[in-house]
N, C-alpha and C. Protein backbone atom coordinates (compact mmCIF):
# COMPACT_ATOMS: atom_id res chain seq x y z
N MET A 1 42.32 41.29 21.29
CA MET A 1 42.54 39.60 21.14
C MET A 1 41.21 39.05 21.08
N PHE A 2 40.42 39.46 22.27
CA PHE A 2 39.27 38.73 22.24
C PHE A 2 38.26 39.09 21.45
N LYS A 3 38.24 40.47 20.61
CA LYS A 3 37.41 40.81 19.44
C LYS A 3 37.94 39.79 18.16
N LYS A 4 39.19 39.58 17.96
CA LYS A 4 39.59 38.85 17.02
C LYS A 4 39.03 37.35 17.06
N ARG A 5 39.15 36.79 18.31
CA ARG A 5 38.17 35.55 18.72
C ARG A 5 36.97 35.80 18.52
N ASN A 6 36.18 36.55 19.03
CA ASN A 6 34.71 36.70 18.92
C ASN A 6 34.42 36.80 17.41
N LYS A 7 35.02 37.43 16.59
CA LYS A 7 35.15 37.47 15.14
C LYS A 7 35.14 35.96 14.65
N THR A 8 36.10 35.49 14.79
CA THR A 8 36.39 33.97 14.34
C THR A 8 35.24 33.17 14.67
N LEU A 9 34.65 33.25 16.03
CA LEU A 9 33.87 32.15 16.38
C LEU A 9 32.53 32.62 15.63
N ILE A 10 31.98 33.80 15.39
CA ILE A 10 30.90 34.26 14.64
C ILE A 10 31.11 33.56 13.17
N ILE A 11 32.28 33.85 12.37
CA ILE A 11 32.34 33.40 11.14
C ILE A 11 32.15 31.72 11.05
N TYR A 12 32.79 31.08 11.97
CA TYR A 12 32.67 29.73 12.12
C TYR A 12 31.39 29.22 12.48
N ALA A 13 30.63 30.25 13.47
CA ALA A 13 29.00 29.87 13.38
C ALA A 13 28.15 29.99 12.32
N ILE A 14 28.63 30.96 11.52
CA ILE A 14 27.77 31.46 10.38
C ILE A 14 28.06 30.44 9.35
N ILE A 15 29.06 29.87 8.99
CA ILE A 15 29.72 28.91 8.09
C ILE A 15 28.97 27.54 8.65
N THR A 16 29.03 27.23 9.63
CA THR A 16 28.47 25.75 10.20
C THR A 16 27.03 26.04 9.99
N MET A 17 26.23 27.39 10.00
CA MET A 17 24.76 27.02 9.95
C MET A 17 24.30 27.27 8.47
N ALA A 18 25.18 27.94 7.93
CA ALA A 18 25.14 27.79 6.23
C ALA A 18 25.27 26.58 5.94
N PHE A 19 26.20 25.39 6.20
CA PHE A 19 26.17 24.59 6.00
C PHE A 19 25.22 23.48 6.34
N LEU A 20 24.72 23.48 7.58
CA LEU A 20 23.52 22.69 8.06
C LEU A 20 22.21 22.91 7.09
N VAL A 21 22.04 24.35 6.92
CA VAL A 21 21.15 24.43 5.99
C VAL A 21 21.19 23.84 4.91
N TRP A 22 22.32 23.73 4.08
CA TRP A 22 22.52 23.36 2.83
C TRP A 22 22.21 22.02 2.61
N MET A 23 22.68 21.23 3.78
CA MET A 23 22.70 20.03 4.10
C MET A 23 21.14 19.62 4.24
N THR A 24 20.55 19.97 4.98
CA THR A 24 19.14 19.93 5.18
C THR A 24 18.07 19.66 4.03
N PHE A 25 18.46 21.09 3.16
CA PHE A 25 17.63 21.41 2.12
C PHE A 25 18.07 21.44 0.79
N TYR A 26 18.84 21.59 0.50
CA TYR A 26 19.55 21.96 -0.82
C TYR A 26 20.33 20.98 -1.48
N ASP A 27 20.99 19.86 -0.73
CA ASP A 27 22.12 18.91 -1.14
C ASP A 27 21.21 17.93 -2.02
N ASP A 28 21.99 17.16 -2.61
CA ASP A 28 21.52 15.98 -3.38
C ASP A 28 21.13 14.72 -2.21
N HIS A 29 21.78 14.78 -1.15
CA HIS A 29 21.67 13.91 -0.16
C HIS A 29 20.99 14.30 1.37
N SER A 30 20.06 15.36 0.83
CA SER A 30 19.60 16.32 2.16
C SER A 30 18.68 15.35 3.01
N LEU A 31 18.59 15.74 4.08
CA LEU A 31 17.41 15.10 4.80
C LEU A 31 16.16 15.11 4.53
N VAL A 32 15.62 16.29 3.74
CA VAL A 32 14.44 16.21 3.38
C VAL A 32 13.93 15.22 2.46
N LEU A 33 15.25 14.86 1.50
CA LEU A 33 14.87 14.06 0.51
C LEU A 33 15.00 12.44 1.35
N HIS A 34 16.05 12.36 2.07
CA HIS A 34 15.68 11.09 2.69
C HIS A 34 14.76 10.50 3.36
N ARG A 35 13.96 11.79 3.78
CA ARG A 35 12.47 11.65 4.66
C ARG A 35 11.73 11.23 3.80
N GLU A 36 11.50 11.68 2.34
CA GLU A 36 10.49 11.57 1.57
C GLU A 36 10.69 10.25 0.99
N LEU A 37 11.85 9.77 0.76
CA LEU A 37 12.26 8.45 0.34
C LEU A 37 12.08 7.17 1.23
N ASN A 38 12.36 7.69 2.42
CA ASN A 38 12.08 6.52 3.70
C ASN A 38 10.47 6.53 3.48
N HIS A 39 9.55 7.48 3.30
CA HIS A 39 8.43 7.32 3.34
C HIS A 39 7.38 6.41 2.09
N GLU A 40 8.21 6.95 0.77
CA GLU A 40 7.81 5.93 -0.08
C GLU A 40 8.23 4.64 -0.09
N ILE A 41 9.51 4.16 0.72
CA ILE A 41 9.61 2.79 1.05
C ILE A 41 8.87 2.37 1.61
N SER A 42 8.34 2.94 3.17
CA SER A 42 7.42 2.28 3.79
C SER A 42 6.09 2.09 3.12
N SER A 43 5.79 2.80 2.16
CA SER A 43 4.53 2.86 1.41
C SER A 43 4.74 1.65 0.31
N LEU A 44 5.96 1.37 -0.16
CA LEU A 44 5.93 0.64 -1.25
C LEU A 44 5.82 -0.73 -0.43
N GLU A 45 6.39 -1.12 0.58
CA GLU A 45 6.52 -2.31 1.42
C GLU A 45 5.27 -2.91 1.97
N SER A 46 4.39 -1.73 2.10
CA SER A 46 2.92 -2.05 2.49
C SER A 46 2.32 -2.66 1.56
N ARG A 47 2.34 -2.12 0.39
CA ARG A 47 1.80 -2.43 -0.57
C ARG A 47 2.11 -3.78 -1.16
N LYS A 48 3.36 -4.03 -1.10
CA LYS A 48 4.22 -5.42 -1.40
C LYS A 48 3.45 -6.49 -0.43
N LYS A 49 3.06 -6.18 0.91
CA LYS A 49 2.57 -7.09 1.59
C LYS A 49 1.10 -7.54 1.28
N THR A 50 0.47 -6.08 0.76
CA THR A 50 -1.15 -6.45 0.52
C THR A 50 -1.13 -7.05 -0.57
N LEU A 51 0.02 -6.96 -1.66
CA LEU A 51 -0.20 -7.70 -3.00
C LEU A 51 0.33 -9.26 -2.68
N SER A 52 1.31 -9.47 -1.71
CA SER A 52 1.27 -10.84 -1.39
C SER A 52 0.32 -11.58 -1.06
N SER A 53 -0.41 -11.12 0.05
CA SER A 53 -1.67 -11.73 0.54
C SER A 53 -2.24 -11.90 -0.50
N ASN A 54 -2.64 -10.81 -1.37
CA ASN A 54 -3.74 -11.15 -2.70
C ASN A 54 -3.19 -12.31 -3.43
N ILE A 55 -2.00 -12.45 -3.58
CA ILE A 55 -1.28 -13.54 -4.59
C ILE A 55 -1.60 -14.94 -3.91
N GLU A 56 -1.64 -15.01 -2.43
CA GLU A 56 -1.93 -16.01 -1.52
C GLU A 56 -2.98 -16.68 -1.92
N THR A 57 -4.02 -15.54 -1.63
CA THR A 57 -5.36 -15.90 -1.84
C THR A 57 -5.73 -16.36 -3.22
N VAL A 58 -5.48 -15.79 -4.40
CA VAL A 58 -5.60 -16.21 -5.49
C VAL A 58 -5.03 -17.59 -5.73
N GLN A 59 -3.93 -17.77 -5.20
CA GLN A 59 -3.29 -19.26 -5.72
C GLN A 59 -4.06 -20.35 -4.90
N HIS A 60 -4.51 -19.72 -3.74
CA HIS A 60 -5.64 -20.83 -2.96
C HIS A 60 -6.82 -21.43 -3.81
N GLN A 61 -7.11 -19.97 -4.19
CA GLN A 61 -8.51 -20.08 -5.07
C GLN A 61 -8.29 -20.94 -6.52
N ILE A 62 -7.16 -21.08 -6.97
CA ILE A 62 -6.61 -21.79 -8.32
C ILE A 62 -6.51 -23.06 -7.89
N GLU A 63 -5.70 -23.73 -6.73
CA GLU A 63 -5.82 -24.83 -6.30
C GLU A 63 -7.40 -25.50 -6.10
N ILE A 64 -8.12 -24.32 -5.63
CA ILE A 64 -9.62 -25.05 -5.03
C ILE A 64 -10.26 -25.37 -6.46
N LEU A 65 -10.23 -24.23 -7.23
CA LEU A 65 -10.69 -24.56 -8.77
C LEU A 65 -10.28 -25.72 -9.72
N LYS A 66 -8.76 -26.22 -9.25
CA LYS A 66 -8.66 -27.37 -10.10
C LYS A 66 -9.57 -28.60 -10.15
N HIS A 67 -10.31 -28.69 -9.22
CA HIS A 67 -11.15 -29.88 -9.15
C HIS A 67 -12.66 -29.55 -9.72
N PRO A 68 -13.22 -30.23 -10.37
CA PRO A 68 -14.29 -30.20 -11.17
C PRO A 68 -15.57 -29.85 -10.43
N ASP A 69 -15.65 -30.48 -9.48
CA ASP A 69 -16.99 -29.85 -8.43
C ASP A 69 -17.00 -28.72 -7.93
N SER A 70 -15.80 -28.30 -7.67
CA SER A 70 -15.68 -26.82 -7.18
C SER A 70 -15.62 -25.60 -8.18
N LEU A 71 -15.05 -26.14 -9.37
CA LEU A 71 -15.20 -25.30 -10.32
C LEU A 71 -16.78 -24.96 -11.11
N GLU A 72 -17.47 -25.93 -11.00
CA GLU A 72 -18.76 -25.89 -11.26
C GLU A 72 -19.60 -25.38 -9.99
N LYS A 73 -19.20 -25.22 -8.73
CA LYS A 73 -19.89 -24.33 -7.97
C LYS A 73 -19.56 -22.85 -7.84
N TYR A 74 -18.10 -23.08 -8.24
CA TYR A 74 -17.74 -21.55 -8.25
C TYR A 74 -18.53 -20.85 -9.60
N ALA A 75 -18.50 -21.42 -10.73
CA ALA A 75 -19.38 -21.07 -12.04
C ALA A 75 -20.83 -20.99 -11.69
N ARG A 76 -21.47 -21.47 -10.98
CA ARG A 76 -22.79 -21.37 -10.45
C ARG A 76 -23.21 -19.87 -9.65
N GLU A 77 -22.08 -19.65 -8.31
CA GLU A 77 -22.10 -19.06 -7.73
C GLU A 77 -21.71 -17.46 -8.10
N GLU A 78 -20.82 -17.37 -8.97
CA GLU A 78 -20.11 -16.07 -9.50
C GLU A 78 -20.98 -15.97 -10.96
N PHE A 79 -21.25 -16.76 -11.49
CA PHE A 79 -21.35 -16.43 -13.14
C PHE A 79 -22.84 -16.64 -13.33
N PHE A 80 -23.50 -17.22 -12.29
CA PHE A 80 -24.90 -17.73 -12.52
C PHE A 80 -25.19 -18.94 -13.37
N TYR A 81 -24.27 -19.62 -13.41
CA TYR A 81 -24.07 -21.03 -14.27
C TYR A 81 -25.30 -21.67 -14.20
N LYS A 82 -25.91 -22.33 -15.39
CA LYS A 82 -26.91 -23.25 -15.05
C LYS A 82 -26.87 -24.41 -15.86
N SER A 83 -27.53 -25.76 -15.74
CA SER A 83 -27.68 -26.60 -16.42
C SER A 83 -28.90 -26.45 -17.44
N GLU A 84 -28.81 -27.14 -18.60
CA GLU A 84 -30.32 -27.06 -19.13
C GLU A 84 -31.46 -27.77 -18.54
N ASN A 85 -32.29 -27.11 -18.63
CA ASN A 85 -33.78 -27.59 -18.01
C ASN A 85 -33.70 -27.26 -16.48
N GLU A 86 -33.03 -26.20 -16.40
CA GLU A 86 -32.80 -25.78 -14.79
C GLU A 86 -33.23 -24.21 -14.69
N ILE A 87 -33.92 -23.81 -13.63
CA ILE A 87 -34.32 -22.69 -13.53
C ILE A 87 -33.61 -21.88 -12.11
N ILE A 88 -33.21 -20.94 -12.39
CA ILE A 88 -32.42 -20.39 -11.14
C ILE A 88 -32.99 -19.11 -10.67
N TYR A 89 -33.26 -18.99 -9.39
CA TYR A 89 -33.91 -18.10 -8.55
C TYR A 89 -32.74 -17.09 -8.39
N ILE A 90 -32.55 -15.86 -8.09
CA ILE A 90 -31.83 -15.05 -7.45
C ILE A 90 -32.48 -14.33 -6.59
N ILE A 91 -32.09 -14.35 -5.08
CA ILE A 91 -32.43 -13.87 -4.01
C ILE A 91 -31.62 -12.81 -3.27
N ASP A 92 -31.90 -11.83 -3.42
CA ASP A 92 -30.76 -10.98 -3.02
C ASP A 92 -30.90 -10.60 -1.44
N SER A 93 -29.66 -10.50 -0.51
CA SER A 93 -30.03 -10.56 0.81
C SER A 93 -30.51 -9.33 1.16
N THR A 94 -30.32 -8.19 0.58
CA THR A 94 -30.99 -6.68 0.95
C THR A 94 -32.61 -7.22 0.49
N THR A 95 -33.10 -7.86 -0.11
CA THR A 95 -34.55 -8.05 -0.53
C THR A 95 -34.91 -8.59 0.82
N ILE A 96 -34.13 -9.84 1.30
CA ILE A 96 -34.89 -10.38 2.40
C ILE A 96 -34.74 -9.53 3.70
N GLU A 97 -33.73 -8.60 3.87
CA GLU A 97 -33.75 -7.82 5.17
C GLU A 97 -34.74 -6.76 5.00
N SER A 98 -35.45 -6.22 3.74
CA SER A 98 -36.49 -5.32 3.80
C SER A 98 -37.93 -6.34 3.74
N LEU A 99 -38.06 -7.39 3.42
CA LEU A 99 -39.16 -7.97 3.65
C LEU A 99 -39.33 -8.54 5.32
N SER A 100 -38.41 -8.60 6.09
CA SER A 100 -38.11 -9.16 7.63
C SER A 100 -38.87 -7.88 8.23
N GLU A 101 -38.52 -6.63 8.06
CA GLU A 101 -38.60 -5.49 8.49
C GLU A 101 -40.48 -5.07 8.70
C-alpha cells in the first residue's frame, strides 16, 4: 500500500516539475518572456519621459523664438548671423582657459 502511494507521489512530483519547467521556459506565456517584456516596457517608459522633457524644452524655445528680438539673438549665437558692415570675433572658451594658465 505504501509502495503504491509513494509511486503516485513520485509521478505527481515529476508531472509538477515538468509543468513548472514548461511554464517557466517554453510556454508562450512563460515567466522569462514576461520578464523580458517588463524590462522593455520600463525602458520604453523611461525613453518616453526623456522625449517628453525634450518636447517641453523645444516648445519653450519655440515660444521664445516667436519674438523677433530673441530670434535675432538666437541666430547670432547659434549661426553667427551678422548685419552688414559688422565684424564678429569668435572667442572660444578653451582658448581663454589656455591663455590664463
